[in-house]
Amino acid sequence: MNDRKLSIVASAFVVTGRGTTLLIEMPEGEDWRLTSGQSIVLKLAGGVVISTRINAIEFVDPAGSLALVIGNDLKPEDVPVGTEIWVAAGTES
């Protein structure tokens, strides 16, 4: 099974008491089952790849925006707008 591209980072910020949070738009027409603790891969410009986990998922609006809380391991400036988010192979529920 291959990694699947989920989305790109629209914004990254810190939520006090929760950590770094990534705002994304869910792709339409695909079946995604994301869970807390799930592994994701962040692919930055220049070929940098960072593995991390989803700590929490918050629905931002019914149109499909999600906030993925990834905790304190990364700072918002470590995950610039446009960073690709991939779901690691074998981690989908």
N, C-alpha and C. Protein backbone atom coordinates (compact mmCIF):
# COMPACT_ATOMS: atom_id res chain seq x y z
N MET A 1 0.84 -1.18 0.00
CA MET A 1 0.00 0.00 0.00
C MET A 1 0.89 1.24 0.00
N ASN A 2 0.54 2.23 -0.81
CA ASN A 2 1.32 3.46 -0.91
C ASN A 2 0.74 4.56 -0.03
N ASP A 3 1.60 5.52 0.33
CA ASP A 3 1.11 6.71 1.02
C ASP A 3 0.11 7.42 0.11
N ARG A 4 -0.88 8.11 0.71
CA ARG A 4 -1.88 8.85 -0.05
C ARG A 4 -1.82 10.32 0.32
N LYS A 5 -1.81 11.19 -0.69
CA LYS A 5 -1.81 12.62 -0.43
C LYS A 5 -3.18 13.03 0.08
N LEU A 6 -3.20 13.64 1.26
CA LEU A 6 -4.43 14.09 1.89
C LEU A 6 -4.78 15.50 1.44
N SER A 7 -3.86 16.43 1.62
CA SER A 7 -4.15 17.84 1.37
C SER A 7 -2.85 18.63 1.46
N ILE A 8 -2.99 19.96 1.42
CA ILE A 8 -1.86 20.83 1.67
C ILE A 8 -2.21 21.74 2.85
N VAL A 9 -1.20 22.23 3.49
CA VAL A 9 -1.38 23.12 4.64
C VAL A 9 -1.81 24.50 4.14
N ALA A 10 -2.97 24.96 4.65
CA ALA A 10 -3.45 26.30 4.33
C ALA A 10 -2.96 27.32 5.35
N SER A 11 -2.73 26.84 6.58
CA SER A 11 -2.27 27.70 7.66
C SER A 11 -1.73 26.82 8.78
N ALA A 12 -0.77 27.34 9.52
CA ALA A 12 -0.22 26.64 10.69
C ALA A 12 -0.13 27.64 11.83
N PHE A 13 -0.57 27.23 13.01
CA PHE A 13 -0.60 28.13 14.16
C PHE A 13 -0.59 27.30 15.44
N VAL A 14 -0.42 27.98 16.57
CA VAL A 14 -0.40 27.30 17.87
C VAL A 14 -1.72 27.56 18.58
N VAL A 15 -2.30 26.50 19.12
CA VAL A 15 -3.46 26.62 20.01
C VAL A 15 -2.92 26.37 21.42
N THR A 16 -3.06 27.38 22.27
CA THR A 16 -2.55 27.28 23.63
C THR A 16 -3.07 26.03 24.33
N GLY A 17 -2.16 25.28 24.89
CA GLY A 17 -2.52 24.06 25.60
C GLY A 17 -2.67 22.84 24.73
N ARG A 18 -2.61 23.02 23.39
CA ARG A 18 -2.78 21.88 22.47
C ARG A 18 -1.58 21.71 21.56
N GLY A 19 -0.98 22.81 21.14
CA GLY A 19 0.20 22.71 20.29
C GLY A 19 -0.05 23.17 18.87
N THR A 20 0.89 22.83 18.01
CA THR A 20 0.84 23.24 16.61
C THR A 20 -0.35 22.59 15.92
N THR A 21 -1.06 23.42 15.16
CA THR A 21 -2.28 22.99 14.49
C THR A 21 -2.19 23.37 13.02
N LEU A 22 -2.58 22.44 12.15
CA LEU A 22 -2.54 22.65 10.71
C LEU A 22 -3.95 22.75 10.17
N LEU A 23 -4.27 23.84 9.51
CA LEU A 23 -5.56 24.00 8.87
C LEU A 23 -5.47 23.48 7.45
N ILE A 24 -6.39 22.58 7.11
CA ILE A 24 -6.38 21.98 5.76
C ILE A 24 -7.79 21.94 5.18
N GLU A 25 -7.88 21.77 3.88
CA GLU A 25 -9.15 21.52 3.20
C GLU A 25 -9.17 20.05 2.82
N MET A 26 -10.25 19.36 3.18
CA MET A 26 -10.37 17.95 2.82
C MET A 26 -10.66 17.83 1.33
N PRO A 27 -10.01 16.87 0.65
CA PRO A 27 -10.29 16.67 -0.76
C PRO A 27 -11.70 16.11 -0.96
N GLU A 28 -12.37 16.59 -1.99
CA GLU A 28 -13.72 16.12 -2.26
C GLU A 28 -13.69 14.80 -3.02
N GLY A 29 -14.71 14.01 -2.80
CA GLY A 29 -14.89 12.78 -3.57
C GLY A 29 -14.02 11.62 -3.15
N GLU A 30 -13.31 11.74 -2.04
CA GLU A 30 -12.49 10.64 -1.56
C GLU A 30 -12.93 10.23 -0.17
N ASP A 31 -12.78 8.97 0.13
CA ASP A 31 -13.18 8.45 1.43
C ASP A 31 -11.96 8.43 2.35
N TRP A 32 -11.97 9.31 3.35
CA TRP A 32 -10.87 9.39 4.31
C TRP A 32 -11.39 9.07 5.69
N ARG A 33 -10.63 8.29 6.42
CA ARG A 33 -10.95 8.02 7.82
C ARG A 33 -9.70 8.35 8.63
N LEU A 34 -9.70 9.53 9.18
CA LEU A 34 -8.56 9.99 9.97
C LEU A 34 -8.86 9.77 11.44
N THR A 35 -7.82 9.43 12.21
CA THR A 35 -7.99 9.21 13.63
C THR A 35 -6.84 9.83 14.41
N SER A 36 -7.09 10.12 15.66
CA SER A 36 -6.02 10.58 16.55
C SER A 36 -5.00 9.46 16.67
N GLY A 37 -3.73 9.83 16.68
CA GLY A 37 -2.66 8.86 16.76
C GLY A 37 -2.17 8.35 15.41
N GLN A 38 -2.88 8.72 14.36
CA GLN A 38 -2.53 8.26 13.02
C GLN A 38 -1.25 8.93 12.52
N SER A 39 -0.41 8.16 11.85
CA SER A 39 0.83 8.69 11.29
C SER A 39 0.54 9.48 10.02
N ILE A 40 1.22 10.62 9.89
CA ILE A 40 1.18 11.39 8.66
C ILE A 40 2.60 11.77 8.28
N VAL A 41 2.76 12.11 7.02
CA VAL A 41 4.05 12.53 6.50
C VAL A 41 3.87 13.93 5.92
N LEU A 42 4.73 14.85 6.33
CA LEU A 42 4.72 16.21 5.81
C LEU A 42 5.85 16.34 4.79
N LYS A 43 5.49 16.75 3.58
CA LYS A 43 6.48 16.90 2.51
C LYS A 43 6.61 18.39 2.19
N LEU A 44 7.76 18.93 2.58
CA LEU A 44 8.02 20.36 2.40
C LEU A 44 8.73 20.60 1.08
N ALA A 45 8.68 21.85 0.62
CA ALA A 45 9.43 22.24 -0.56
C ALA A 45 10.91 21.95 -0.33
N GLY A 46 11.60 21.58 -1.37
CA GLY A 46 13.02 21.28 -1.25
C GLY A 46 13.30 19.84 -0.88
N GLY A 47 12.24 19.02 -0.78
CA GLY A 47 12.44 17.60 -0.54
C GLY A 47 12.52 17.17 0.91
N VAL A 48 12.31 18.10 1.86
CA VAL A 48 12.33 17.74 3.27
C VAL A 48 11.07 16.94 3.60
N VAL A 49 11.24 15.82 4.30
CA VAL A 49 10.13 14.95 4.69
C VAL A 49 10.15 14.78 6.20
N ILE A 50 9.01 15.02 6.84
CA ILE A 50 8.90 14.92 8.30
C ILE A 50 7.76 13.96 8.63
N SER A 51 8.04 12.97 9.46
CA SER A 51 7.01 12.06 9.94
C SER A 51 6.52 12.56 11.30
N THR A 52 5.19 12.54 11.47
CA THR A 52 4.60 12.95 12.74
C THR A 52 3.28 12.23 12.91
N ARG A 53 2.52 12.60 13.94
CA ARG A 53 1.22 11.97 14.21
C ARG A 53 0.16 13.03 14.45
N ILE A 54 -1.07 12.66 14.15
CA ILE A 54 -2.22 13.51 14.46
C ILE A 54 -2.57 13.29 15.93
N ASN A 55 -2.55 14.35 16.73
CA ASN A 55 -2.95 14.24 18.14
C ASN A 55 -4.44 14.43 18.32
N ALA A 56 -5.04 15.29 17.49
CA ALA A 56 -6.48 15.54 17.57
C ALA A 56 -6.94 16.11 16.23
N ILE A 57 -8.23 15.95 15.97
CA ILE A 57 -8.85 16.46 14.74
C ILE A 57 -10.05 17.30 15.14
N GLU A 58 -10.11 18.51 14.59
CA GLU A 58 -11.22 19.42 14.86
C GLU A 58 -11.86 19.82 13.53
N PHE A 59 -13.18 19.75 13.47
CA PHE A 59 -13.89 20.21 12.29
C PHE A 59 -14.06 21.71 12.38
N VAL A 60 -13.59 22.43 11.37
CA VAL A 60 -13.63 23.88 11.39
C VAL A 60 -14.94 24.39 10.79
N ASP A 61 -15.36 23.80 9.68
CA ASP A 61 -16.64 24.18 9.08
C ASP A 61 -17.17 23.02 8.26
N PRO A 62 -18.48 23.03 7.99
CA PRO A 62 -19.09 21.91 7.26
C PRO A 62 -18.62 21.80 5.82
N ALA A 63 -17.99 22.84 5.30
CA ALA A 63 -17.53 22.81 3.90
C ALA A 63 -16.31 21.92 3.72
N GLY A 64 -15.72 21.46 4.81
CA GLY A 64 -14.61 20.53 4.67
C GLY A 64 -13.29 20.95 5.25
N SER A 65 -13.25 22.07 5.94
CA SER A 65 -11.99 22.47 6.57
C SER A 65 -11.79 21.70 7.87
N LEU A 66 -10.56 21.24 8.07
CA LEU A 66 -10.19 20.53 9.29
C LEU A 66 -8.98 21.18 9.91
N ALA A 67 -8.88 21.05 11.22
CA ALA A 67 -7.67 21.44 11.94
C ALA A 67 -7.06 20.16 12.50
N LEU A 68 -5.84 19.88 12.09
CA LEU A 68 -5.11 18.71 12.60
C LEU A 68 -4.13 19.19 13.66
N VAL A 69 -4.32 18.79 14.88
CA VAL A 69 -3.41 19.15 15.95
C VAL A 69 -2.28 18.13 15.96
N ILE A 70 -1.05 18.62 15.79
CA ILE A 70 0.10 17.71 15.74
C ILE A 70 1.00 17.86 16.96
N GLY A 71 0.62 18.72 17.90
CA GLY A 71 1.34 18.83 19.15
C GLY A 71 2.51 19.78 19.12
N ASN A 72 3.45 19.54 20.02
CA ASN A 72 4.54 20.48 20.24
C ASN A 72 5.87 20.08 19.61
N ASP A 73 5.91 18.97 18.89
CA ASP A 73 7.16 18.54 18.28
C ASP A 73 7.63 19.49 17.18
N LEU A 74 6.67 20.11 16.49
CA LEU A 74 6.98 21.04 15.41
C LEU A 74 6.37 22.39 15.72
N LYS A 75 7.03 23.44 15.26
CA LYS A 75 6.51 24.80 15.40
C LYS A 75 5.81 25.18 14.09
N PRO A 76 4.88 26.14 14.12
CA PRO A 76 4.21 26.54 12.89
C PRO A 76 5.18 26.93 11.77
N GLU A 77 6.28 27.56 12.12
CA GLU A 77 7.24 27.96 11.08
C GLU A 77 7.97 26.76 10.46
N ASP A 78 7.89 25.59 11.09
CA ASP A 78 8.47 24.36 10.54
C ASP A 78 7.59 23.76 9.44
N VAL A 79 6.33 24.21 9.38
CA VAL A 79 5.36 23.64 8.44
C VAL A 79 4.73 24.78 7.63
N PRO A 80 5.43 25.25 6.60
CA PRO A 80 4.93 26.41 5.84
C PRO A 80 3.68 26.10 5.02
N VAL A 81 2.93 27.15 4.71
CA VAL A 81 1.77 27.03 3.83
C VAL A 81 2.23 26.33 2.55
N GLY A 82 1.42 25.39 2.06
CA GLY A 82 1.75 24.66 0.85
C GLY A 82 2.40 23.31 1.11
N THR A 83 2.80 23.04 2.36
CA THR A 83 3.36 21.74 2.70
C THR A 83 2.33 20.66 2.40
N GLU A 84 2.74 19.59 1.74
CA GLU A 84 1.84 18.48 1.45
C GLU A 84 1.71 17.58 2.68
N ILE A 85 0.49 17.12 2.93
CA ILE A 85 0.24 16.18 4.01
C ILE A 85 -0.16 14.85 3.38
N TRP A 86 0.57 13.83 3.73
CA TRP A 86 0.33 12.47 3.22
C TRP A 86 -0.02 11.56 4.39
N VAL A 87 -0.94 10.64 4.15
CA VAL A 87 -1.28 9.64 5.15
C VAL A 87 -0.37 8.45 4.91
N ALA A 88 0.35 8.07 5.96
CA ALA A 88 1.32 6.97 5.84
C ALA A 88 0.61 5.66 5.50
N ALA A 89 1.22 4.90 4.63
CA ALA A 89 0.66 3.62 4.20
C ALA A 89 0.38 2.73 5.39
N GLY A 90 -0.79 2.09 5.36
CA GLY A 90 -1.14 1.14 6.40
C GLY A 90 -1.67 1.75 7.68
N THR A 91 -1.87 3.09 7.70
CA THR A 91 -2.34 3.72 8.95
C THR A 91 -3.78 4.19 8.87
N GLU A 92 -4.42 4.05 7.71
CA GLU A 92 -5.81 4.45 7.62
C GLU A 92 -6.69 3.47 8.34
N SER A 93 -7.70 4.00 9.02
CA SER A 93 -8.64 3.14 9.76
C SER A 93 -9.62 2.50 8.83
